[in-house]
Amino acid sequence: MSQSPSPVRSCRAGLILRLAIQDLWHDRQVSLCIAAALVAVIAPLLLLFGLKHGVVNQLQRELLDDPRNLEIRMLTSGSYDESWLDEVRAHPGVGFAIGQTRSLNTQADLLRDRQHFLEGVELIPTAAGDPLLAGQARHPESTGVVLSEPAARRLGVSVGDRLTLAASRRLEGQQERGQLQVEVIGLLAAARFARPAAFVDLSLLIELERFRDGHASSLLGVEHGAQRGDYPVRFARARIFAREGDAVAGVVEALEAQRIETASRLAEIDNVRAISRVLGLIFGVIAATALVGCLASMAGAFMANVDRKRREYAVLRLLGFQRPAIAAFIALQVGLLTLLAFGVGLGLFALGSAIFNRALATSHMAAGVVSHITPAHALIALALTLGVALLVAVIGVLRAFNIQPAESLREA
């Protein structure tokens, strides 16, 4: 003969949920106080983390957006061949590398007309993949050049205009001047390169070096000079860019291991890392302290609430609600209040972030710095909040387990 199910077994999750919601609504003033205490912790922590994340992200974006921070400049000259360049390019941290001729051969005159000319303009070798020219529609090939904005402004030229590139040499007591017509195929913003300069194909620099070394150059219109023959191509240094900010240190170490002195913005990159670590430590200490205080506050509030409702819990036990049902009842209440508080805290964070972002957007001190969190950050914050709520629920459940059904009869 089968036994009829007990009241506890027939109690469904829906009934416990309804009782939990009705009890919270009945004591809504107390419930709102508990939720407000949780909001007072969640909202400031989200704002603090949002500012920390926004500041560090802004600094990192500035580093990554400026390819000059990825450049490793060689301070000493040497004699390097193409195989050495291939070894440099093969380094996992190198994103771009190209050889440079001797310093004397990296300068030339640019002329538009008698009123517009620049003497001794810096010529910089480049090729596809050059971080400084990222975003350019075309890269210099043959006689095409990309001018920096300061050079273009002083010459009064724009894309599509043609210029005369001129270089001089003294050979056998005679002054000779080679000239070449070049086309402006692009302009580089001053924010990326502030000096007057022209980015040219490496072959053009090599041709200028041969010309100054006394060779004839049909490209420059000078037939007088040594016969071409085999001209060994050697580079005095190289333009080297790391693949990413974290790779700069490795590239610098590899070059210094070859006794090559370098200059880079590794210090600025390390400063951003240090700022991130310090802000992370500050936020961690504040968050840990706030979470411990929140846990103590909520635990105390729920323990007091359980003591205040001892008779009600005893009646539930007398009606057949066993310990699992009581535990579910308390856990649901804690979870509902936590979700409510987190939702309100997230809304206050959004409001505070909007105020911060608007104020900082018009500030000359911190233009562009924003308060921002990602959906992943919000989910992690929710998980941590629910973790604290779980601990509070466990404390409340252990308190409620000590209540016996007979207490309802004694107090009747």
Foldseek 3Di string as FASTA:
>chain_A
DDDDDAPQVPDDPVNLLVVLVVVCVVVVVLLVVLLVLLLVLLQVLLQLVLLLVLVLVVLQCVCFLAQQQQWKAFPFWDWAAVVVVVVLCPPPFFQDKDFAADQVLQFWKKADDPQAIDGGAGEAEDDPRPSQCPPQPDDADDQEKEWEPVNCVRRVDDAFDKIKTKDWEADPNDIDMFIAIHGYHYYGYCVRPVGTHIYHHVVVSVLSVCVRVFAADVRRPGHGGDHDPDDGDIGGTMIIGTPGLVSSVVSCVVCVVVVTDIDHNNVSSVVSVVSSVVSVVVSVVSSVVSLVVSLVVLLVSLLVVCVVCLLVLLQVVVSPNDLVSVLSSLLSSLVVSLVVSLVVSVVSNVVVQVVVLVVCCPDPVRHSRGRDDDPVVSVVSSVVSSVSSVVSSVSSSVSNNPRHNCVNVVVD
